[in-house]
Structures are given as C-alpha cells and as structure tokens.
N, C-alpha and C. Protein backbone atom coordinates (compact mmCIF):
# COMPACT_ATOMS: atom_id res chain seq x y z
N MET A 1 111.56 79.83 81.46
CA MET A 1 111.05 80.30 82.86
C MET A 1 109.67 79.51 82.96
N GLU A 2 109.98 79.16 84.25
CA GLU A 2 108.65 78.42 84.78
C GLU A 2 107.71 79.33 85.58
N LEU A 3 108.42 80.31 85.96
CA LEU A 3 107.53 81.23 86.66
C LEU A 3 106.57 82.15 85.68
N PHE A 4 105.31 82.56 86.23
CA PHE A 4 104.48 83.26 85.51
C PHE A 4 104.72 84.54 85.72
N TYR A 5 105.02 85.48 84.89
CA TYR A 5 105.44 86.78 85.34
C TYR A 5 104.69 87.90 84.21
N GLU A 6 104.81 89.10 84.31
CA GLU A 6 103.93 90.05 83.60
C GLU A 6 104.80 91.47 83.39
N ILE A 7 104.92 92.13 82.35
CA ILE A 7 105.51 93.41 82.36
C ILE A 7 104.85 94.41 81.86
N GLU A 8 104.79 95.64 82.51
CA GLU A 8 104.15 96.86 82.23
C GLU A 8 104.93 98.04 82.25
N GLY A 9 104.74 98.98 81.08
CA GLY A 9 105.21 100.17 81.48
C GLY A 9 106.61 100.06 80.64
N ASN A 10 107.40 101.18 80.68
CA ASN A 10 108.73 101.29 79.92
C ASN A 10 109.60 102.29 81.29
N GLY A 11 111.05 101.73 81.37
CA GLY A 11 111.77 102.75 81.88
C GLY A 11 112.82 101.61 82.94
N VAL A 12 113.19 102.60 84.10
CA VAL A 12 113.70 101.98 85.18
C VAL A 12 113.06 100.54 85.52
N PRO A 13 113.47 99.45 85.53
CA PRO A 13 112.35 98.39 86.14
C PRO A 13 112.40 98.18 87.55
N ILE A 14 111.34 98.00 87.90
CA ILE A 14 110.69 97.61 89.37
C ILE A 14 110.52 96.32 89.46
N VAL A 15 110.89 95.57 90.03
CA VAL A 15 110.00 93.97 90.27
C VAL A 15 109.52 94.09 91.83
N MET A 16 108.24 93.54 91.58
CA MET A 16 107.28 93.61 92.60
C MET A 16 107.16 92.14 93.22
N ILE A 17 107.40 92.04 94.46
CA ILE A 17 107.46 90.64 95.07
C ILE A 17 106.26 90.54 96.14
N HIS A 18 105.36 89.76 95.65
CA HIS A 18 104.36 89.53 96.69
C HIS A 18 104.55 88.74 98.22
N SER A 19 103.79 88.96 98.94
CA SER A 19 103.80 88.14 99.91
C SER A 19 103.14 86.86 100.06
N GLY A 20 103.29 86.19 101.13
CA GLY A 20 102.73 84.77 101.11
C GLY A 20 101.27 84.53 100.98
N GLY A 21 100.53 83.36 100.57
CA GLY A 21 99.40 83.28 100.58
C GLY A 21 98.30 84.11 99.36
N VAL A 22 98.96 85.00 98.74
CA VAL A 22 98.60 85.78 97.56
C VAL A 22 99.52 85.54 96.32
N ASP A 23 99.13 86.17 95.24
CA ASP A 23 99.82 86.09 94.14
C ASP A 23 100.15 87.37 93.45
N SER A 24 100.71 87.56 92.18
CA SER A 24 100.79 88.94 91.92
C SER A 24 100.05 89.68 91.58
N ARG A 25 98.42 89.13 91.66
CA ARG A 25 97.50 90.29 91.41
C ARG A 25 97.64 91.10 92.56
N VAL A 26 98.06 90.75 93.84
CA VAL A 26 98.12 91.92 94.88
C VAL A 26 98.36 93.28 94.45
N TRP A 27 99.33 93.16 93.49
CA TRP A 27 99.82 94.67 92.96
C TRP A 27 98.88 95.21 91.91
N ARG A 28 97.74 94.73 91.68
CA ARG A 28 96.91 95.18 90.52
C ARG A 28 96.45 96.79 90.43
N TYR A 29 96.72 97.40 91.81
CA TYR A 29 96.03 98.73 91.54
C TYR A 29 97.05 99.69 91.75
N MET A 30 98.36 99.25 92.03
CA MET A 30 99.46 100.22 92.07
C MET A 30 100.09 99.94 90.64
N VAL A 31 100.20 98.69 89.86
CA VAL A 31 100.87 98.66 88.68
C VAL A 31 100.54 99.59 87.47
N PRO A 32 99.45 99.94 87.33
CA PRO A 32 98.94 101.02 86.35
C PRO A 32 99.69 102.17 86.62
N GLU A 33 99.84 102.77 87.57
CA GLU A 33 100.18 104.18 88.38
C GLU A 33 101.85 104.02 88.14
N LEU A 34 102.27 103.11 88.62
CA LEU A 34 103.84 102.76 88.57
C LEU A 34 104.38 102.56 86.97
N ALA A 35 103.53 102.04 86.13
CA ALA A 35 103.82 101.91 84.87
C ALA A 35 103.90 102.93 84.02
N LYS A 36 103.51 104.20 84.55
CA LYS A 36 103.44 105.23 83.93
C LYS A 36 104.84 105.91 83.73
N SER A 37 105.81 105.42 84.80
CA SER A 37 107.18 106.16 85.02
C SER A 37 108.14 104.92 84.69
N PHE A 38 107.69 103.58 85.17
CA PHE A 38 108.68 102.52 85.09
C PHE A 38 108.11 101.44 84.45
N GLN A 39 109.36 100.37 84.19
CA GLN A 39 108.92 99.27 83.78
C GLN A 39 108.55 98.22 85.08
N ILE A 40 107.30 97.83 85.07
CA ILE A 40 107.02 97.07 86.49
C ILE A 40 106.93 95.67 86.11
N ILE A 41 107.77 94.84 86.77
CA ILE A 41 107.80 93.40 86.54
C ILE A 41 106.73 92.74 87.90
N THR A 42 106.00 92.13 87.32
CA THR A 42 105.37 91.15 88.67
C THR A 42 105.45 89.73 88.29
N PHE A 43 105.37 88.96 89.28
CA PHE A 43 105.25 87.43 88.92
C PHE A 43 104.70 86.75 90.28
N ASP A 44 104.29 85.66 89.82
CA ASP A 44 103.75 84.68 90.95
C ASP A 44 104.99 83.66 91.38
N GLY A 45 105.25 83.80 92.71
CA GLY A 45 105.80 82.87 93.25
C GLY A 45 105.91 81.44 93.03
N ARG A 46 106.48 80.63 93.40
CA ARG A 46 106.42 79.14 93.14
C ARG A 46 105.08 78.62 93.87
N GLY A 47 103.90 78.02 93.37
CA GLY A 47 103.06 77.65 94.03
C GLY A 47 101.88 78.58 94.30
N THR A 48 101.99 79.32 93.52
CA THR A 48 100.86 80.84 93.67
C THR A 48 100.51 81.23 92.23
N GLY A 49 99.36 81.67 92.07
CA GLY A 49 98.61 82.30 90.90
C GLY A 49 98.95 81.31 89.95
N HIS A 50 99.82 81.76 88.68
CA HIS A 50 100.06 80.85 87.52
C HIS A 50 101.15 79.81 87.49
N SER A 51 101.99 80.23 88.56
CA SER A 51 103.36 79.25 88.50
C SER A 51 103.14 78.24 89.14
N PRO A 52 103.86 77.14 88.65
CA PRO A 52 103.89 76.02 89.06
C PRO A 52 104.57 75.73 90.76
N ALA A 53 104.07 74.57 91.44
CA ALA A 53 104.26 74.38 92.88
C ALA A 53 105.89 73.74 92.63
N MET A 54 106.40 74.13 93.84
CA MET A 54 107.58 73.15 94.20
C MET A 54 107.63 71.71 93.91
N GLN A 55 108.43 71.04 93.08
CA GLN A 55 108.33 69.66 93.12
C GLN A 55 109.67 69.13 93.84
N GLU A 56 110.34 69.97 94.22
CA GLU A 56 111.63 69.86 95.13
C GLU A 56 112.16 71.19 95.92
N PRO A 57 112.69 70.94 96.81
CA PRO A 57 113.29 72.10 97.76
C PRO A 57 113.87 72.96 96.54
N THR A 58 113.58 74.41 96.90
CA THR A 58 114.11 75.66 95.81
C THR A 58 114.38 76.76 96.50
N SER A 59 114.99 77.54 95.83
CA SER A 59 115.61 78.91 96.47
C SER A 59 114.67 79.68 96.01
N LEU A 60 113.68 80.61 96.61
CA LEU A 60 113.42 81.80 96.06
C LEU A 60 114.13 82.85 95.62
N VAL A 61 115.18 83.17 96.15
CA VAL A 61 116.07 83.72 95.62
C VAL A 61 116.87 83.39 94.34
N GLU A 62 116.74 82.29 94.07
CA GLU A 62 117.67 82.02 93.11
C GLU A 62 116.31 82.03 91.79
N ASP A 63 115.07 81.90 92.09
CA ASP A 63 114.20 82.02 91.17
C ASP A 63 114.11 83.27 90.76
N LEU A 64 114.36 84.47 91.47
CA LEU A 64 114.49 85.47 91.38
C LEU A 64 115.46 86.13 90.47
N ARG A 65 116.78 85.21 90.92
CA ARG A 65 117.95 85.58 89.84
C ARG A 65 117.69 84.96 88.40
N LYS A 66 116.96 83.88 88.31
CA LYS A 66 116.78 83.35 87.25
C LYS A 66 115.70 83.93 86.33
N LEU A 67 114.73 84.37 87.13
CA LEU A 67 113.75 85.43 86.20
C LEU A 67 114.50 86.65 85.61
N LEU A 68 115.27 87.32 86.50
CA LEU A 68 116.12 88.41 85.93
C LEU A 68 116.90 88.34 85.00
N GLU A 69 117.55 87.09 85.16
CA GLU A 69 118.46 86.69 83.89
C GLU A 69 117.86 86.24 82.60
N HIS A 70 116.93 85.53 83.04
CA HIS A 70 115.85 85.61 81.60
C HIS A 70 115.14 86.65 81.04
N LEU A 71 114.94 87.61 81.63
CA LEU A 71 114.73 89.09 81.21
C LEU A 71 115.72 89.92 80.78
N GLY A 72 116.84 89.55 80.88
CA GLY A 72 118.18 90.10 80.58
C GLY A 72 118.32 91.42 81.54
N LEU A 73 117.56 91.46 82.70
CA LEU A 73 117.79 92.45 83.66
C LEU A 73 119.03 92.39 84.77
N ASP A 74 120.14 93.49 84.35
CA ASP A 74 121.16 93.57 85.06
C ASP A 74 121.03 94.02 86.60
N LEU A 75 120.37 95.48 86.58
CA LEU A 75 120.13 96.09 87.65
C LEU A 75 118.77 96.62 87.96
N VAL A 76 118.10 96.16 89.01
CA VAL A 76 116.50 96.52 89.05
C VAL A 76 116.51 97.25 90.66
N THR A 77 115.36 97.60 90.84
CA THR A 77 114.71 98.22 91.87
C THR A 77 113.86 97.11 92.36
N LEU A 78 113.85 96.50 93.53
CA LEU A 78 113.05 95.30 94.32
C LEU A 78 112.21 95.92 95.23
N VAL A 79 110.81 95.64 95.25
CA VAL A 79 109.88 95.85 96.30
C VAL A 79 109.47 94.72 96.82
N GLY A 80 109.23 94.40 97.93
CA GLY A 80 108.93 93.18 98.54
C GLY A 80 107.83 93.24 99.55
N HIS A 81 106.72 92.48 99.92
CA HIS A 81 105.98 92.83 100.88
C HIS A 81 106.10 91.27 101.80
N SER A 82 106.12 91.51 102.88
CA SER A 82 106.47 90.44 103.84
C SER A 82 107.13 89.30 103.51
N ILE A 83 107.03 88.23 102.98
CA ILE A 83 107.90 87.02 102.69
C ILE A 83 108.90 87.61 101.37
N GLY A 84 108.15 88.33 100.77
CA GLY A 84 108.50 89.16 99.55
C GLY A 84 109.63 89.92 99.83
N GLY A 85 109.50 90.83 100.96
CA GLY A 85 110.54 91.29 101.49
C GLY A 85 111.71 90.63 101.91
N GLN A 86 111.38 89.44 102.35
CA GLN A 86 112.65 88.66 102.77
C GLN A 86 113.28 88.22 101.38
N VAL A 87 112.71 87.87 100.77
CA VAL A 87 113.25 87.59 99.24
C VAL A 87 113.93 88.46 98.67
N ALA A 88 113.52 90.02 98.84
CA ALA A 88 113.94 90.94 97.98
C ALA A 88 115.37 91.31 99.00
N THR A 89 115.30 91.28 100.26
CA THR A 89 116.65 91.42 101.21
C THR A 89 117.54 90.30 101.19
N ASP A 90 117.40 89.16 100.96
CA ASP A 90 117.83 88.21 100.77
C ASP A 90 118.91 88.14 99.51
N PHE A 91 117.81 88.62 98.42
CA PHE A 91 118.61 88.85 97.21
C PHE A 91 119.49 89.91 97.18
N ALA A 92 119.38 90.98 97.68
CA ALA A 92 120.17 92.12 97.79
C ALA A 92 121.59 91.67 98.38
N LEU A 93 121.42 90.98 99.54
CA LEU A 93 122.39 90.50 100.35
C LEU A 93 123.39 89.67 99.27
N SER A 94 122.71 88.48 98.57
CA SER A 94 123.40 88.07 97.89
C SER A 94 123.95 88.54 96.60
N TYR A 95 123.21 89.38 96.05
CA TYR A 95 123.75 89.80 94.67
C TYR A 95 123.76 91.32 94.62
N PRO A 96 124.39 91.99 95.46
CA PRO A 96 124.14 93.47 95.70
C PRO A 96 124.70 94.45 94.34
N SER A 97 125.34 93.75 93.60
CA SER A 97 125.28 94.74 92.38
C SER A 97 124.40 94.45 91.54
N MET A 98 123.12 93.61 91.62
CA MET A 98 121.88 94.00 90.61
C MET A 98 120.98 94.30 91.41
N VAL A 99 121.04 95.20 92.59
CA VAL A 99 119.93 95.93 93.07
C VAL A 99 120.42 97.20 93.16
N GLU A 100 119.58 98.02 92.32
CA GLU A 100 119.94 99.50 92.58
C GLU A 100 119.19 100.21 93.94
N ARG A 101 117.96 99.97 94.33
CA ARG A 101 117.28 100.35 95.54
C ARG A 101 116.43 99.29 95.88
N LEU A 102 116.28 99.23 97.13
CA LEU A 102 115.31 98.03 98.00
C LEU A 102 114.22 98.82 98.61
N VAL A 103 113.29 98.24 98.39
CA VAL A 103 112.00 99.16 99.12
C VAL A 103 111.30 97.67 99.91
N VAL A 104 111.25 97.42 101.26
CA VAL A 104 110.41 96.29 101.97
C VAL A 104 109.25 96.98 102.75
N ILE A 105 108.15 96.27 102.71
CA ILE A 105 107.11 96.66 103.43
C ILE A 105 106.75 95.27 104.62
N ALA A 106 106.84 95.74 105.62
CA ALA A 106 106.65 94.49 106.80
C ALA A 106 107.34 93.39 106.30
N PRO A 107 108.66 93.47 106.07
CA PRO A 107 109.51 91.97 105.46
C PRO A 107 109.82 91.14 106.94
N SER A 108 109.52 89.63 106.52
CA SER A 108 109.97 88.79 107.56
C SER A 108 111.77 88.95 106.99
N LEU A 109 112.50 88.57 107.99
CA LEU A 109 113.98 88.57 107.74
C LEU A 109 114.59 87.32 108.27
N THR A 110 115.55 86.77 107.53
CA THR A 110 116.13 85.56 107.52
C THR A 110 117.21 86.00 108.74
N GLY A 111 116.66 84.65 109.85
CA GLY A 111 117.57 84.50 110.75
C GLY A 111 117.14 85.40 112.09
N PHE A 112 115.74 86.04 112.01
CA PHE A 112 115.25 86.97 112.80
C PHE A 112 114.33 86.16 113.94
N ALA A 113 114.65 86.14 115.15
CA ALA A 113 113.87 85.07 116.16
C ALA A 113 112.60 85.58 116.61
N TYR A 114 111.23 85.35 116.20
CA TYR A 114 110.24 85.88 116.36
C TYR A 114 109.65 85.33 117.67
N SER A 115 108.87 86.16 118.30
CA SER A 115 108.74 86.13 119.85
C SER A 115 107.43 84.72 119.64
N GLN A 116 107.65 84.22 121.02
CA GLN A 116 106.74 83.07 121.10
C GLN A 116 105.29 83.45 120.75
N GLU A 117 104.73 84.61 121.17
CA GLU A 117 103.50 85.12 121.10
C GLU A 117 102.93 85.32 119.40
N PHE A 118 104.18 85.64 119.10
CA PHE A 118 103.51 85.99 117.34
C PHE A 118 104.06 84.33 116.83
N THR A 119 104.67 83.42 116.95
CA THR A 119 104.79 81.90 116.58
C THR A 119 103.53 81.15 116.97
N ASN A 120 102.94 81.49 118.09
CA ASN A 120 101.60 80.90 118.47
C ASN A 120 100.70 81.63 117.62
N TYR A 121 100.66 83.01 117.45
CA TYR A 121 99.44 83.53 116.65
C TYR A 121 99.72 82.74 115.00
N MET A 122 100.73 82.61 114.40
CA MET A 122 101.12 82.32 113.18
C MET A 122 100.56 80.66 113.06
N ALA A 123 100.74 80.05 114.18
CA ALA A 123 100.40 78.69 114.23
C ALA A 123 98.78 78.43 114.31
N SER A 124 98.33 79.40 114.80
CA SER A 124 96.67 79.62 114.81
C SER A 124 96.20 80.07 113.43
N VAL A 125 96.65 80.57 112.93
CA VAL A 125 96.21 81.10 111.56
C VAL A 125 96.64 80.03 110.41
N ASN A 126 97.90 79.31 110.53
CA ASN A 126 97.92 78.23 109.54
C ASN A 126 97.08 76.85 109.77
N ALA A 127 96.64 76.90 111.40
CA ALA A 127 95.57 75.93 111.68
C ALA A 127 94.17 75.90 111.12
N ALA A 128 93.91 77.10 110.89
CA ALA A 128 92.44 77.75 110.51
C ALA A 128 92.48 77.45 109.09
N ALA A 129 93.66 77.32 108.11
CA ALA A 129 93.80 76.86 106.85
C ALA A 129 93.21 75.82 106.53
N PRO A 130 92.66 75.62 105.34
CA PRO A 130 92.23 74.19 105.07
C PRO A 130 93.40 73.38 104.45
N ASP A 131 93.27 72.14 104.81
CA ASP A 131 94.18 71.05 104.21
C ASP A 131 93.91 70.75 102.93
N ILE A 132 94.46 71.61 101.83
CA ILE A 132 94.24 71.43 100.39
C ILE A 132 94.36 70.05 99.87
N SER A 133 95.38 69.34 100.58
CA SER A 133 95.46 67.85 99.72
C SER A 133 94.10 66.84 100.29
N LYS A 134 93.42 67.23 101.19
CA LYS A 134 92.10 66.60 101.77
C LYS A 134 91.18 66.96 100.61
N HIS A 135 91.36 67.94 99.73
CA HIS A 135 89.94 68.45 99.02
C HIS A 135 90.47 68.24 97.63
N LEU A 136 91.66 67.55 97.32
CA LEU A 136 91.99 67.33 95.83
C LEU A 136 91.37 65.97 95.25
C-alpha cells in the first residue's frame, strides 16, 4: 500500500478522509477521543502528508478501496470532509455493501454545478497559492 495510514483504537472501524490542502493530521484532536470506542483509520491522500504524489491519473475512490482491501476491512463507517466527503459519497455509491454508515461534513459532490460566484472565489484562492514547481 503506497498510502500512508495510521490505526488507533479497537472496535468498529471508522475511516476518516481529510479535505483538500491538508493531510490526516487534521483529525489529530478527534482521533484520541474516538479511539476510546472505535478503531480509527486515518490516511494521507495522494500527494499529501507522507503519501506519494500521483504519477498518473488515479481514482481517489479506488485508492480508498485498495486501502480497505489491504487492511482486510469489508464494512466500515466513512467520515469525510469537503473533497473527503466527495470521496466518501462516491465510494458509498460505488461500493454500498462496504459502507455501514456515511458521515459527510461540508462535502463536495460529484456532478454538482457550483455557482459562478463560488467558482470565481475558488479561482482567487487557488491563484493566491504559491506555484510549488517554481520553488523546487
């Protein structure tokens, strides 16, 4: 498995899927509390934290499926934030028998048409980000 992941606690497995622009450390304050009652799996999506960047087009849903397969998990609760919510929702639609519960927080949604105002705002946010390739 190429993706970096961590597991804490025991019990029913909950997979936490982070939003864009961050990595699994975003869950660091929640995991210890949840791990008292559940098995918590966090991972860094491709190109974030300790996971390698995409070398070719890939599917974040398939990355999640491969991670669950690697861990031997057939049924999980998914918790996703923003694009992590989109991945969780798309995964649940693609592999419904593997998802016991789905929790999404401010999710992006595949196929949702965003307003021009939102699209313009996100373009300004992205334009303000540094061009990493210029700094390597």
